[in-house]
C-alpha atoms as a PDB file:
ATOM      1  CA  MET A   1     -33.368  -9.965  14.541  1.00  0.00           C
ATOM      2  CA  TRP A   2     -31.190  -6.389  14.694  1.00  0.00           C
ATOM      3  CA  ARG A   3     -28.250  -8.915  14.495  1.00  0.00           C
ATOM      4  CA  ALA A   4     -29.551  -9.894  11.173  1.00  0.00           C
ATOM      5  CA  VAL A   5     -30.256  -6.823   9.649  1.00  0.00           C
ATOM      6  CA  ILE A   6     -26.444  -5.418  10.905  1.00  0.00           C
ATOM      7  CA  GLN A   7     -25.003  -8.587   9.466  1.00  0.00           C
ATOM      8  CA  ALA A   8     -27.097  -8.121   5.525  1.00  0.00           C
ATOM      9  CA  LEU A   9     -25.777  -4.602   5.927  1.00  0.00           C
ATOM     10  CA  LEU A  10     -22.296  -5.038   6.834  1.00  0.00           C
ATOM     11  CA  MET A  11     -22.420  -8.203   3.745  1.00  0.00           C
ATOM     12  CA  LEU A  12     -23.546  -5.343   1.809  1.00  0.00           C
ATOM     13  CA  VAL A  13     -21.071  -2.802   2.275  1.00  0.00           C
ATOM     14  CA  ILE A  14     -18.397  -5.490   2.067  1.00  0.00           C
ATOM     15  CA  LEU A  15     -19.992  -6.435  -1.644  1.00  0.00           C
ATOM     16  CA  VAL A  16     -20.131  -2.872  -2.601  1.00  0.00           C
ATOM     17  CA  SER A  17     -16.607  -1.683  -1.818  1.00  0.00           C
ATOM     18  CA  SER A  18     -14.941  -5.030  -3.456  1.00  0.00           C
ATOM     19  CA  SER A  19     -16.836  -4.304  -6.618  1.00  0.00           C
ATOM     20  CA  THR A  20     -14.727  -3.104  -9.811  1.00  0.00           C
ATOM     21  CA  TYR A  21     -16.291  -0.482 -11.373  1.00  0.00           C
ATOM     22  CA  ALA A  22     -15.443   0.497 -15.435  1.00  0.00           C
ATOM     23  CA  ALA A  23     -13.893   3.258 -16.276  1.00  0.00           C
ATOM     24  CA  ASP A  24     -12.592   5.128 -19.398  1.00  0.00           C
ATOM     25  CA  ARG A  25      -9.192   5.618 -19.784  1.00  0.00           C
ATOM     26  CA  TYR A  26      -7.514   8.093 -22.336  1.00  0.00           C
ATOM     27  CA  TRP A  27      -4.303   7.719 -23.634  1.00  0.00           C
ATOM     28  CA  VAL A  28      -1.867  10.848 -22.469  1.00  0.00           C
ATOM     29  CA  GLY A  29       1.437   8.897 -22.623  1.00  0.00           C
ATOM     30  CA  ALA A  30       4.603  10.374 -24.626  1.00  0.00           C
ATOM     31  CA  SER A  31       4.879   8.819 -27.900  1.00  0.00           C
ATOM     32  CA  GLY A  32       6.167   5.425 -27.958  1.00  0.00           C
ATOM     33  CA  ALA A  33       5.508   5.053 -24.020  1.00  0.00           C
ATOM     34  CA  ALA A  34       4.430   2.178 -22.427  1.00  0.00           C
ATOM     35  CA  TRP A  35       0.568   1.556 -22.284  1.00  0.00           C
ATOM     36  CA  ASN A  36       0.852  -0.306 -18.858  1.00  0.00           C
ATOM     37  CA  THR A  37       2.578   2.771 -17.139  1.00  0.00           C
ATOM     38  CA  THR A  38      -0.125   5.211 -14.912  1.00  0.00           C
ATOM     39  CA  ASP A  39       2.037   8.106 -16.881  1.00  0.00           C
ATOM     40  CA  SER A  40       0.187   7.199 -19.686  1.00  0.00           C
ATOM     41  CA  TRP A  41      -3.583   7.654 -18.392  1.00  0.00           C
ATOM     42  CA  SER A  42      -5.956   9.764 -17.852  1.00  0.00           C
ATOM     43  CA  THR A  43      -9.827  10.034 -16.742  1.00  0.00           C
ATOM     44  CA  SER A  44     -10.509  12.751 -19.466  1.00  0.00           C
ATOM     45  CA  SER A  45      -9.433  13.412 -23.235  1.00  0.00           C
ATOM     46  CA  GLY A  46      -6.118  15.201 -23.068  1.00  0.00           C
ATOM     47  CA  GLY A  47      -5.905  15.507 -19.047  1.00  0.00           C
ATOM     48  CA  SER A  48      -3.401  14.944 -16.183  1.00  0.00           C
ATOM     49  CA  ASN A  49      -1.846  11.616 -16.532  1.00  0.00           C
ATOM     50  CA  GLY A  50      -2.133   9.337 -12.948  1.00  0.00           C
ATOM     51  CA  ALA A  51      -4.914   7.733 -13.969  1.00  0.00           C
ATOM     52  CA  SER A  52      -4.892   3.862 -13.177  1.00  0.00           C
ATOM     53  CA  VAL A  53      -4.056   1.875 -16.545  1.00  0.00           C
ATOM     54  CA  PRO A  54      -7.080   0.016 -17.978  1.00  0.00           C
ATOM     55  CA  GLY A  55      -7.958  -3.528 -16.707  1.00  0.00           C
ATOM     56  CA  THR A  56     -10.140  -5.881 -17.682  1.00  0.00           C
ATOM     57  CA  SER A  57     -13.159  -3.533 -16.979  1.00  0.00           C
ATOM     58  CA  ASP A  58     -12.608  -0.681 -18.506  1.00  0.00           C
ATOM     59  CA  THR A  59     -12.386   1.053 -21.801  1.00  0.00           C
ATOM     60  CA  ALA A  60      -8.785   2.045 -23.598  1.00  0.00           C
ATOM     61  CA  ILE A  61      -9.715   5.390 -25.390  1.00  0.00           C
ATOM     62  CA  PHE A  62      -7.349   7.088 -28.111  1.00  0.00           C
ATOM     63  CA  ASP A  63      -8.455  10.848 -29.395  1.00  0.00           C
ATOM     64  CA  SER A  64      -7.223  13.674 -30.784  1.00  0.00           C
ATOM     65  CA  GLY A  65      -6.380  14.413 -26.777  1.00  0.00           C
ATOM     66  CA  ASP A  66      -3.072  13.109 -27.322  1.00  0.00           C
ATOM     67  CA  THR A  67      -1.770  11.372 -30.309  1.00  0.00           C
ATOM     68  CA  ASP A  68       1.369  10.049 -29.841  1.00  0.00           C
ATOM     69  CA  ASN A  69       2.378   6.416 -29.962  1.00  0.00           C
ATOM     70  CA  CYS A  70       1.484   3.366 -27.663  1.00  0.00           C
ATOM     71  CA  THR A  71       3.946   0.326 -26.927  1.00  0.00           C
ATOM     72  CA  LEU A  72       2.721  -2.485 -25.201  1.00  0.00           C
ATOM     73  CA  THR A  73       5.016  -4.308 -23.145  1.00  0.00           C
ATOM     74  CA  ALA A  74       2.845  -6.843 -21.678  1.00  0.00           C
ATOM     75  CA  ALA A  75      -0.223  -8.497 -22.451  1.00  0.00           C
ATOM     76  CA  VAL A  76      -3.390  -6.388 -21.939  1.00  0.00           C
ATOM     77  CA  SER A  77      -6.890  -7.479 -21.603  1.00  0.00           C
ATOM     78  CA  VAL A  78      -9.302  -4.746 -21.406  1.00  0.00           C
ATOM     79  CA  THR A  79     -13.750  -4.354 -21.734  1.00  0.00           C
ATOM     80  CA  ALA A  80     -13.277  -2.175 -25.012  1.00  0.00           C
ATOM     81  CA  ILE A  81     -10.839  -0.209 -27.282  1.00  0.00           C
ATOM     82  CA  ASN A  82     -12.196   2.535 -28.974  1.00  0.00           C
ATOM     83  CA  MET A  83      -9.544   4.599 -31.399  1.00  0.00           C
ATOM     84  CA  LYS A  84     -11.018   8.060 -32.673  1.00  0.00           C
ATOM     85  CA  SER A  85     -11.333  10.251 -35.203  1.00  0.00           C
ATOM     86  CA  GLY A  86      -8.113  12.667 -34.458  1.00  0.00           C
ATOM     87  CA  TYR A  87      -5.944   9.816 -33.445  1.00  0.00           C
ATOM     88  CA  THR A  88      -2.962   9.799 -35.365  1.00  0.00           C
ATOM     89  CA  GLY A  89      -0.758   7.466 -33.368  1.00  0.00           C
ATOM     90  CA  THR A  90      -0.003   3.912 -33.802  1.00  0.00           C
ATOM     91  CA  VAL A  91      -0.710   1.350 -30.993  1.00  0.00           C
ATOM     92  CA  ASP A  92       2.341  -1.486 -31.431  1.00  0.00           C
ATOM     93  CA  ALA A  93       1.446  -4.773 -29.632  1.00  0.00           C
ATOM     94  CA  ALA A  94       5.255  -5.494 -29.775  1.00  0.00           C
ATOM     95  CA  GLY A  95       4.368  -9.128 -29.984  1.00  0.00           C
ATOM     96  CA  ASN A  96       2.435  -8.960 -26.906  1.00  0.00           C
ATOM     97  CA  ASN A  97      -1.659 -10.043 -26.837  1.00  0.00           C
ATOM     98  CA  ILE A  98      -4.664  -7.562 -26.811  1.00  0.00           C
ATOM     99  CA  THR A  99      -7.590  -8.984 -25.453  1.00  0.00           C
ATOM    100  CA  THR A 100     -11.121  -7.478 -25.679  1.00  0.00           C
ATOM    101  CA  SER A 101     -14.067  -8.867 -24.067  1.00  0.00           C
ATOM    102  CA  SER A 102     -16.566  -6.607 -26.108  1.00  0.00           C
ATOM    103  CA  THR A 103     -15.497  -4.329 -28.753  1.00  0.00           C
ATOM    104  CA  VAL A 104     -12.846  -2.600 -30.737  1.00  0.00           C
ATOM    105  CA  ASP A 105     -14.134   0.695 -32.180  1.00  0.00           C
ATOM    106  CA  VAL A 106     -11.959   2.298 -34.884  1.00  0.00           C
ATOM    107  CA  THR A 107     -13.325   5.719 -36.469  1.00  0.00           C
ATOM    108  CA  VAL A 108     -11.893   6.666 -39.627  1.00  0.00           C
ATOM    109  CA  ARG A 109     -12.812   9.874 -41.355  1.00  0.00           C
ATOM    110  CA  PHE A 110     -11.589  10.529 -45.630  1.00  0.00           C
END
Protein backbone atom coordinates (compact mmCIF):
# COMPACT_ATOMS: atom_id res chain seq x y z
CA MET A 1 0.00 0.00 0.00
CA TRP A 2 2.68 2.53 1.00
CA ARG A 3 4.70 1.69 -2.08
CA ALA A 4 1.75 2.62 -4.33
CA VAL A 5 1.23 5.88 -2.43
CA ILE A 6 4.93 6.80 -2.73
CA GLN A 7 4.93 5.97 -6.45
CA ALA A 8 1.83 8.10 -6.99
CA LEU A 9 3.40 11.03 -5.11
CA LEU A 10 6.61 10.74 -7.11
CA MET A 11 4.67 10.77 -10.37
CA LEU A 12 2.77 13.86 -9.22
CA VAL A 13 6.02 15.65 -8.34
CA ILE A 14 7.50 14.78 -11.73
CA LEU A 15 4.42 16.00 -13.59
CA VAL A 16 4.20 19.26 -11.68
CA SER A 17 7.91 20.03 -11.96
CA SER A 18 7.96 19.42 -15.72
CA SER A 19 4.89 21.53 -16.49
CA THR A 20 5.31 24.71 -18.49
CA TYR A 21 3.72 27.71 -16.85
CA ALA A 22 2.48 30.69 -18.79
CA ALA A 23 4.26 33.95 -18.10
CA ASP A 24 3.97 37.58 -19.10
CA ARG A 25 7.14 38.96 -20.68
CA TYR A 26 7.66 42.69 -21.15
CA TRP A 27 9.81 44.17 -23.92
CA VAL A 28 12.79 46.11 -22.50
CA GLY A 29 15.21 45.80 -25.42
CA ALA A 30 17.34 48.57 -26.85
CA SER A 31 16.14 50.08 -30.13
CA GLY A 32 16.28 47.45 -32.86
CA ALA A 33 17.27 44.74 -30.40
CA ALA A 34 16.50 41.13 -31.23
CA TRP A 35 13.33 39.51 -29.90
CA ASN A 36 15.05 36.22 -29.10
CA THR A 37 17.55 37.31 -26.47
CA THR A 38 17.04 37.48 -22.71
CA ASP A 39 18.57 40.98 -22.73
CA SER A 40 15.32 42.16 -24.34
CA TRP A 41 12.75 40.84 -21.85
CA SER A 42 11.66 41.47 -18.27
CA THR A 43 9.10 40.01 -15.87
CA SER A 44 7.68 43.50 -15.26
CA SER A 45 6.98 46.65 -17.24
CA GLY A 46 10.17 48.71 -17.48
CA GLY A 47 11.94 46.20 -15.20
CA SER A 48 15.39 44.66 -15.37
CA ASN A 49 16.24 42.54 -18.38
CA GLY A 50 17.26 38.89 -18.19
CA ALA A 51 13.86 37.19 -18.19
CA SER A 52 13.30 34.24 -20.48
CA VAL A 53 12.33 34.94 -24.08
CA PRO A 54 8.55 34.54 -24.53
CA GLY A 55 7.70 30.99 -25.56
CA THR A 56 4.65 29.13 -26.77
CA SER A 57 2.76 29.45 -23.47
CA ASP A 58 3.71 33.10 -22.79
CA THR A 59 2.33 36.55 -23.58
CA ALA A 60 4.67 39.16 -25.09
CA ILE A 61 3.78 42.66 -23.90
CA PHE A 62 4.90 45.92 -25.47
CA ASP A 63 4.03 49.00 -23.40
CA SER A 64 5.26 52.41 -22.28
CA GLY A 65 7.86 50.73 -20.02
CA ASP A 66 10.12 50.56 -23.09
CA THR A 67 9.16 52.09 -26.42
CA ASP A 68 12.20 50.99 -28.45
CA ASN A 69 11.85 48.99 -31.66
CA CYS A 70 11.99 45.19 -31.75
CA THR A 71 13.39 43.03 -34.56
CA LEU A 72 12.74 39.32 -35.06
CA THR A 73 15.76 37.25 -36.09
CA ALA A 74 13.80 33.97 -36.19
CA ALA A 75 10.21 32.73 -36.25
CA VAL A 76 8.25 33.39 -33.04
CA SER A 77 5.43 31.39 -31.43
CA VAL A 78 3.64 32.73 -28.35
CA THR A 79 0.19 32.50 -26.80
CA ALA A 80 -0.54 36.22 -27.27
CA ILE A 81 0.97 39.58 -28.12
CA ASN A 82 -0.31 42.66 -26.33
CA MET A 83 0.68 46.08 -27.70
CA LYS A 84 -0.58 48.59 -25.17
CA SER A 85 -1.24 52.28 -25.45
CA GLY A 86 2.03 54.10 -24.88
CA TYR A 87 4.18 51.74 -26.94
CA THR A 88 5.42 53.88 -29.81
CA GLY A 89 8.02 51.53 -31.28
CA THR A 90 7.66 48.99 -34.07
CA VAL A 91 7.97 45.23 -34.20
CA ASP A 92 9.79 44.26 -37.40
CA ALA A 93 9.19 40.62 -38.34
CA ALA A 94 12.06 40.92 -40.85
CA GLY A 95 10.51 38.17 -42.98
CA ASN A 96 9.98 35.80 -40.03
CA ASN A 97 6.64 34.29 -39.01
CA ILE A 98 4.81 35.37 -35.86
CA THR A 99 2.40 32.72 -34.58
CA THR A 100 -0.07 33.19 -31.72
CA SER A 101 -2.35 30.53 -30.31
CA SER A 102 -4.69 33.07 -28.75
CA THR A 103 -4.82 36.80 -29.47
CA VAL A 104 -2.99 39.84 -30.71
CA ASP A 105 -4.25 42.89 -28.81
CA VAL A 106 -3.39 46.38 -30.02
CA THR A 107 -4.59 49.33 -27.96
CA VAL A 108 -4.72 52.59 -29.87
CA ARG A 109 -5.63 55.92 -28.33
CA PHE A 110 -6.55 58.87 -30.54
